[in-house]
Amino acid sequence: MFCAKVMLRSMLLKFRFTNFQSFRAEQELSLIAARRADSVNGVFSPAGLGEQVLPAAAIYGANASGKTAVFRALGLMATAVRLSQTHWLPDAPFPVDGFIGEATTMPSEFAVDFLLGGIRRQYGFAANSNTVRHEWLHVYQDGVRQVWFEGIEGRPISFETDIPGEDRMIEALVRKNSLFLSCSRTE
């Protein structure tokens, strides 16, 4: 019972990425269950989501078909959120591994849809080896999308007015190779 409660408070719904390692086009790992007429045991129906969610997913395929790249993309995203501000050198490149020959020209993009505290959120960023090009956090409260923050290279970050914290002070600390979310997160 405890495990199910924890899972419903924080749950991955979708992970998408583009231009990473052997994948040029967008790829998506979705834990949203297919609609079925009959009742299916083992799926979750989080309140307010309107969709059922799978508790697990599998990735399978032939050798060298890209399975590991999916996990590497998710790992890079998690590492960038956790460590880009505190552990990456200020003048180091953003460590994306874009599709062959496109690491500096076309940005790699990573995005997750997830539930946290029963509220659907979408966070993502696009970066090439030189800089973070775009970063965003959208929150869906009562089914209505709110843009909590959105940053586009060369422009000030736009914030939802109700977001807590000292956003402009944090924005001034963000480097070209780090994420706003990495800079603003607390332990």
C-alpha atoms as a PDB file:
ATOM      1  CA  MET A   1       0.000   0.000   0.000  1.00  0.00           C
ATOM      2  CA  PHE A   2       2.811   2.430   0.888  1.00  0.00           C
ATOM      3  CA  CYS A   3       4.500   1.864  -2.500  1.00  0.00           C
ATOM      4  CA  ALA A   4       1.292   2.671  -4.387  1.00  0.00           C
ATOM      5  CA  LYS A   5       0.820   5.915  -2.419  1.00  0.00           C
ATOM      6  CA  VAL A   6       4.378   7.038  -3.155  1.00  0.00           C
ATOM      7  CA  MET A   7       3.984   6.187  -6.850  1.00  0.00           C
ATOM      8  CA  LEU A   8       0.802   8.242  -7.132  1.00  0.00           C
ATOM      9  CA  ARG A   9       2.496  11.296  -5.578  1.00  0.00           C
ATOM     10  CA  SER A  10       5.345  11.226  -8.108  1.00  0.00           C
ATOM     11  CA  MET A  11       5.022   9.339 -11.385  1.00  0.00           C
ATOM     12  CA  LEU A  12       6.619   9.533 -14.822  1.00  0.00           C
ATOM     13  CA  LEU A  13       4.015   9.742 -17.578  1.00  0.00           C
ATOM     14  CA  LYS A  14       6.106  10.382 -20.711  1.00  0.00           C
ATOM     15  CA  PHE A  15       9.702  10.971 -21.700  1.00  0.00           C
ATOM     16  CA  ARG A  16      10.589  12.448 -25.098  1.00  0.00           C
ATOM     17  CA  PHE A  17      13.866  13.279 -26.751  1.00  0.00           C
ATOM     18  CA  THR A  18      15.103  14.434 -30.146  1.00  0.00           C
ATOM     19  CA  ASN A  19      18.532  14.506 -31.797  1.00  0.00           C
ATOM     20  CA  PHE A  20      20.398  12.278 -29.373  1.00  0.00           C
ATOM     21  CA  GLN A  21      22.994   9.648 -30.281  1.00  0.00           C
ATOM     22  CA  SER A  22      21.504   7.347 -32.942  1.00  0.00           C
ATOM     23  CA  PHE A  23      18.105   9.115 -32.998  1.00  0.00           C
ATOM     24  CA  ARG A  24      17.480  12.222 -35.096  1.00  0.00           C
ATOM     25  CA  ALA A  25      13.664  12.210 -34.953  1.00  0.00           C
ATOM     26  CA  GLU A  26      11.607  12.521 -31.769  1.00  0.00           C
ATOM     27  CA  GLN A  27      11.281   9.369 -29.672  1.00  0.00           C
ATOM     28  CA  GLU A  28       8.773   8.879 -26.871  1.00  0.00           C
ATOM     29  CA  LEU A  29       8.536   6.469 -23.971  1.00  0.00           C
ATOM     30  CA  SER A  30       4.965   6.653 -22.688  1.00  0.00           C
ATOM     31  CA  LEU A  31       3.511   5.071 -19.577  1.00  0.00           C
ATOM     32  CA  ILE A  32      -0.010   6.190 -20.485  1.00  0.00           C
ATOM     33  CA  ALA A  33      -2.139   3.062 -20.873  1.00  0.00           C
ATOM     34  CA  ALA A  34      -3.985   2.414 -24.122  1.00  0.00           C
ATOM     35  CA  ARG A  35      -7.732   2.860 -23.814  1.00  0.00           C
ATOM     36  CA  ARG A  36      -9.530  -0.437 -23.438  1.00  0.00           C
ATOM     37  CA  ALA A  37     -13.196  -1.277 -23.135  1.00  0.00           C
ATOM     38  CA  ASP A  38     -12.608  -3.837 -20.398  1.00  0.00           C
ATOM     39  CA  SER A  39     -11.223  -3.053 -16.963  1.00  0.00           C
ATOM     40  CA  VAL A  40      -7.498  -3.728 -16.662  1.00  0.00           C
ATOM     41  CA  ASN A  41      -5.890  -4.698 -13.372  1.00  0.00           C
ATOM     42  CA  GLY A  42      -2.550  -3.196 -12.461  1.00  0.00           C
ATOM     43  CA  VAL A  43      -2.956   0.252 -14.007  1.00  0.00           C
ATOM     44  CA  PHE A  44      -3.266   3.421 -11.959  1.00  0.00           C
ATOM     45  CA  SER A  45      -6.008   5.998 -12.393  1.00  0.00           C
ATOM     46  CA  PRO A  46      -4.632   9.160 -10.778  1.00  0.00           C
ATOM     47  CA  ALA A  47      -7.285  11.678  -9.767  1.00  0.00           C
ATOM     48  CA  GLY A  48      -7.735  14.505 -12.256  1.00  0.00           C
ATOM     49  CA  LEU A  49      -5.557  12.950 -14.967  1.00  0.00           C
ATOM     50  CA  GLY A  50      -8.312  11.392 -17.065  1.00  0.00           C
ATOM     51  CA  GLU A  51      -5.956   8.659 -18.266  1.00  0.00           C
ATOM     52  CA  GLN A  52      -4.733   5.398 -16.826  1.00  0.00           C
ATOM     53  CA  VAL A  53      -1.019   4.956 -16.179  1.00  0.00           C
ATOM     54  CA  LEU A  54       1.090   1.824 -16.419  1.00  0.00           C
ATOM     55  CA  PRO A  55       3.239   0.944 -13.385  1.00  0.00           C
ATOM     56  CA  ALA A  56       6.146  -0.207 -15.602  1.00  0.00           C
ATOM     57  CA  ALA A  57       7.320  -0.296 -19.204  1.00  0.00           C
ATOM     58  CA  ALA A  58       9.747  -2.402 -21.209  1.00  0.00           C
ATOM     59  CA  ILE A  59      12.041  -1.495 -24.074  1.00  0.00           C
ATOM     60  CA  TYR A  60      13.039  -4.341 -26.321  1.00  0.00           C
ATOM     61  CA  GLY A  61      14.590  -4.753 -29.741  1.00  0.00           C
ATOM     62  CA  ALA A  62      17.524  -6.103 -31.692  1.00  0.00           C
ATOM     63  CA  ASN A  63      21.118  -5.454 -30.706  1.00  0.00           C
ATOM     64  CA  ALA A  64      22.301  -1.956 -31.643  1.00  0.00           C
ATOM     65  CA  SER A  65      18.719  -0.730 -32.163  1.00  0.00           C
ATOM     66  CA  GLY A  66      18.996   2.153 -29.688  1.00  0.00           C
ATOM     67  CA  LYS A  67      17.623   0.731 -26.422  1.00  0.00           C
ATOM     68  CA  THR A  68      20.581   1.975 -24.413  1.00  0.00           C
ATOM     69  CA  ALA A  69      20.329   5.428 -26.018  1.00  0.00           C
ATOM     70  CA  VAL A  70      16.870   5.871 -24.461  1.00  0.00           C
ATOM     71  CA  PHE A  71      18.303   5.295 -20.981  1.00  0.00           C
ATOM     72  CA  ARG A  72      21.313   7.485 -21.720  1.00  0.00           C
ATOM     73  CA  ALA A  73      19.010  10.312 -22.825  1.00  0.00           C
ATOM     74  CA  LEU A  74      16.956  10.025 -19.630  1.00  0.00           C
ATOM     75  CA  GLY A  75      20.176   9.828 -17.595  1.00  0.00           C
ATOM     76  CA  LEU A  76      21.605  12.933 -19.269  1.00  0.00           C
ATOM     77  CA  MET A  77      18.413  14.840 -18.538  1.00  0.00           C
ATOM     78  CA  ALA A  78      18.442  13.824 -14.868  1.00  0.00           C
ATOM     79  CA  THR A  79      22.151  14.631 -14.520  1.00  0.00           C
ATOM     80  CA  ALA A  80      21.751  18.046 -16.148  1.00  0.00           C
ATOM     81  CA  VAL A  81      18.917  18.942 -13.757  1.00  0.00           C
ATOM     82  CA  ARG A  82      20.829  17.752 -10.703  1.00  0.00           C
ATOM     83  CA  LEU A  83      24.377  18.821 -11.523  1.00  0.00           C
ATOM     84  CA  SER A  84      24.724  21.310 -14.388  1.00  0.00           C
ATOM     85  CA  GLN A  85      24.985  24.350 -12.111  1.00  0.00           C
ATOM     86  CA  THR A  86      26.977  22.864  -9.237  1.00  0.00           C
ATOM     87  CA  HIS A  87      29.311  20.313 -10.847  1.00  0.00           C
ATOM     88  CA  TRP A  88      29.921  21.343 -14.459  1.00  0.00           C
ATOM     89  CA  LEU A  89      32.737  23.781 -15.159  1.00  0.00           C
ATOM     90  CA  PRO A  90      31.450  27.222 -16.238  1.00  0.00           C
ATOM     91  CA  ASP A  91      33.178  27.137 -19.635  1.00  0.00           C
ATOM     92  CA  ALA A  92      32.639  23.424 -20.323  1.00  0.00           C
ATOM     93  CA  PRO A  93      30.395  22.362 -23.211  1.00  0.00           C
ATOM     94  CA  PHE A  94      26.916  21.072 -22.485  1.00  0.00           C
ATOM     95  CA  PRO A  95      27.503  17.299 -22.808  1.00  0.00           C
ATOM     96  CA  VAL A  96      24.851  16.429 -25.365  1.00  0.00           C
ATOM     97  CA  ASP A  97      25.659  13.698 -27.831  1.00  0.00           C
ATOM     98  CA  GLY A  98      23.597  14.785 -30.808  1.00  0.00           C
ATOM     99  CA  PHE A  99      22.914  12.747 -33.896  1.00  0.00           C
ATOM    100  CA  ILE A 100      26.070  12.354 -35.984  1.00  0.00           C
ATOM    101  CA  GLY A 101      27.388  15.758 -37.012  1.00  0.00           C
ATOM    102  CA  GLU A 102      24.533  17.748 -35.453  1.00  0.00           C
ATOM    103  CA  ALA A 103      25.714  18.295 -31.867  1.00  0.00           C
ATOM    104  CA  THR A 104      26.444  22.002 -32.387  1.00  0.00           C
ATOM    105  CA  THR A 105      23.963  22.985 -35.099  1.00  0.00           C
ATOM    106  CA  MET A 106      20.665  21.330 -34.191  1.00  0.00           C
ATOM    107  CA  PRO A 107      19.843  21.265 -30.458  1.00  0.00           C
ATOM    108  CA  SER A 108      18.992  18.044 -28.669  1.00  0.00           C
ATOM    109  CA  GLU A 109      15.682  18.265 -26.825  1.00  0.00           C
ATOM    110  CA  PHE A 110      14.526  16.409 -23.703  1.00  0.00           C
ATOM    111  CA  ALA A 111      11.114  16.591 -22.018  1.00  0.00           C
ATOM    112  CA  VAL A 112       9.221  14.750 -19.299  1.00  0.00           C
ATOM    113  CA  ASP A 113       5.572  14.748 -18.334  1.00  0.00           C
ATOM    114  CA  PHE A 114       5.091  13.657 -14.747  1.00  0.00           C
ATOM    115  CA  LEU A 115       2.770  13.790 -11.777  1.00  0.00           C
ATOM    116  CA  LEU A 116       4.034  15.419  -8.615  1.00  0.00           C
ATOM    117  CA  GLY A 117       1.688  15.854  -5.700  1.00  0.00           C
ATOM    118  CA  GLY A 118      -1.205  14.849  -7.932  1.00  0.00           C
ATOM    119  CA  ILE A 119      -0.526  17.690 -10.385  1.00  0.00           C
ATOM    120  CA  ARG A 120       0.623  17.093 -13.961  1.00  0.00           C
ATOM    121  CA  ARG A 121       3.796  18.932 -14.948  1.00  0.00           C
ATOM    122  CA  GLN A 122       5.878  19.130 -18.106  1.00  0.00           C
ATOM    123  CA  TYR A 123       9.528  20.090 -17.922  1.00  0.00           C
ATOM    124  CA  GLY A 124      12.017  20.184 -20.744  1.00  0.00           C
ATOM    125  CA  PHE A 125      15.010  21.803 -22.323  1.00  0.00           C
ATOM    126  CA  ALA A 126      16.837  22.016 -25.631  1.00  0.00           C
ATOM    127  CA  ALA A 127      20.617  22.382 -25.793  1.00  0.00           C
ATOM    128  CA  ASN A 128      23.502  22.000 -28.144  1.00  0.00           C
ATOM    129  CA  SER A 129      27.114  21.556 -27.077  1.00  0.00           C
ATOM    130  CA  ASN A 130      27.551  25.347 -26.807  1.00  0.00           C
ATOM    131  CA  THR A 131      24.545  26.444 -24.770  1.00  0.00           C
ATOM    132  CA  VAL A 132      21.075  25.799 -23.366  1.00  0.00           C
ATOM    133  CA  ARG A 133      18.756  27.114 -26.062  1.00  0.00           C
ATOM    134  CA  HIS A 134      15.334  26.688 -24.422  1.00  0.00           C
ATOM    135  CA  GLU A 135      13.997  25.553 -21.034  1.00  0.00           C
ATOM    136  CA  TRP A 136      10.441  25.409 -19.707  1.00  0.00           C
ATOM    137  CA  LEU A 137       8.186  24.199 -16.901  1.00  0.00           C
ATOM    138  CA  HIS A 138       4.445  23.957 -17.508  1.00  0.00           C
ATOM    139  CA  VAL A 139       2.024  22.982 -14.751  1.00  0.00           C
ATOM    140  CA  TYR A 140      -1.515  21.768 -15.428  1.00  0.00           C
ATOM    141  CA  GLN A 141      -3.755  22.727 -12.529  1.00  0.00           C
ATOM    142  CA  ASP A 142      -7.408  21.844 -13.008  1.00  0.00           C
ATOM    143  CA  GLY A 143      -6.552  20.909 -16.593  1.00  0.00           C
ATOM    144  CA  VAL A 144      -5.373  24.430 -17.437  1.00  0.00           C
ATOM    145  CA  ARG A 145      -1.773  24.908 -18.568  1.00  0.00           C
ATOM    146  CA  GLN A 146       0.257  27.453 -16.639  1.00  0.00           C
ATOM    147  CA  VAL A 147       3.705  28.445 -17.879  1.00  0.00           C
ATOM    148  CA  TRP A 148       5.680  28.612 -14.620  1.00  0.00           C
ATOM    149  CA  PHE A 149       8.824  29.595 -16.443  1.00  0.00           C
ATOM    150  CA  GLU A 150      10.209  29.640 -19.943  1.00  0.00           C
ATOM    151  CA  GLY A 151      13.663  30.651 -21.021  1.00  0.00           C
ATOM    152  CA  ILE A 152      14.840  31.140 -24.579  1.00  0.00           C
ATOM    153  CA  GLU A 153      18.493  31.812 -25.334  1.00  0.00           C
ATOM    154  CA  GLY A 154      19.243  35.538 -25.510  1.00  0.00           C
ATOM    155  CA  ARG A 155      16.051  36.621 -23.729  1.00  0.00           C
ATOM    156  CA  PRO A 156      15.143  37.061 -20.051  1.00  0.00           C
ATOM    157  CA  ILE A 157      13.307  34.105 -18.524  1.00  0.00           C
ATOM    158  CA  SER A 158       9.557  34.688 -18.320  1.00  0.00           C
ATOM    159  CA  PHE A 159       7.919  33.604 -15.053  1.00  0.00           C
ATOM    160  CA  GLU A 160       4.387  32.937 -13.899  1.00  0.00           C
ATOM    161  CA  THR A 161       3.672  35.668 -11.358  1.00  0.00           C
ATOM    162  CA  ASP A 162       2.683  33.258  -8.569  1.00  0.00           C
ATOM    163  CA  ILE A 163       5.839  31.114  -8.603  1.00  0.00           C
ATOM    164  CA  PRO A 164       7.619  31.348  -5.222  1.00  0.00           C
ATOM    165  CA  GLY A 165      11.248  32.380  -4.772  1.00  0.00           C
ATOM    166  CA  GLU A 166      13.793  34.891  -5.954  1.00  0.00           C
ATOM    167  CA  ASP A 167      13.624  34.080  -9.649  1.00  0.00           C
ATOM    168  CA  ARG A 168      15.513  37.078 -11.033  1.00  0.00           C
ATOM    169  CA  MET A 169      18.402  36.596  -8.586  1.00  0.00           C
ATOM    170  CA  ILE A 170      18.624  32.928  -9.560  1.00  0.00           C
ATOM    171  CA  GLU A 171      18.367  33.788 -13.266  1.00  0.00           C
ATOM    172  CA  ALA A 172      21.476  35.985 -12.922  1.00  0.00           C
ATOM    173  CA  LEU A 173      23.436  32.928 -11.707  1.00  0.00           C
ATOM    174  CA  VAL A 174      22.486  30.632 -14.589  1.00  0.00           C
ATOM    175  CA  ARG A 175      25.353  29.982 -16.975  1.00  0.00           C
ATOM    176  CA  LYS A 176      25.034  29.200 -20.675  1.00  0.00           C
ATOM    177  CA  ASN A 177      25.819  25.519 -19.963  1.00  0.00           C
ATOM    178  CA  SER A 178      23.491  25.060 -16.989  1.00  0.00           C
ATOM    179  CA  LEU A 179      19.768  24.834 -16.448  1.00  0.00           C
ATOM    180  CA  PHE A 180      17.627  27.309 -14.511  1.00  0.00           C
ATOM    181  CA  LEU A 181      16.036  24.354 -12.722  1.00  0.00           C
ATOM    182  CA  SER A 182      19.496  23.113 -11.660  1.00  0.00           C
ATOM    183  CA  CYS A 183      20.364  26.542 -10.328  1.00  0.00           C
ATOM    184  CA  SER A 184      17.076  26.987  -8.457  1.00  0.00           C
ATOM    185  CA  ARG A 185      16.650  23.538  -6.947  1.00  0.00           C
ATOM    186  CA  THR A 186      17.178  23.030  -3.235  1.00  0.00           C
ATOM    187  CA  GLU A 187      18.428  19.932  -1.463  1.00  0.00           C
END
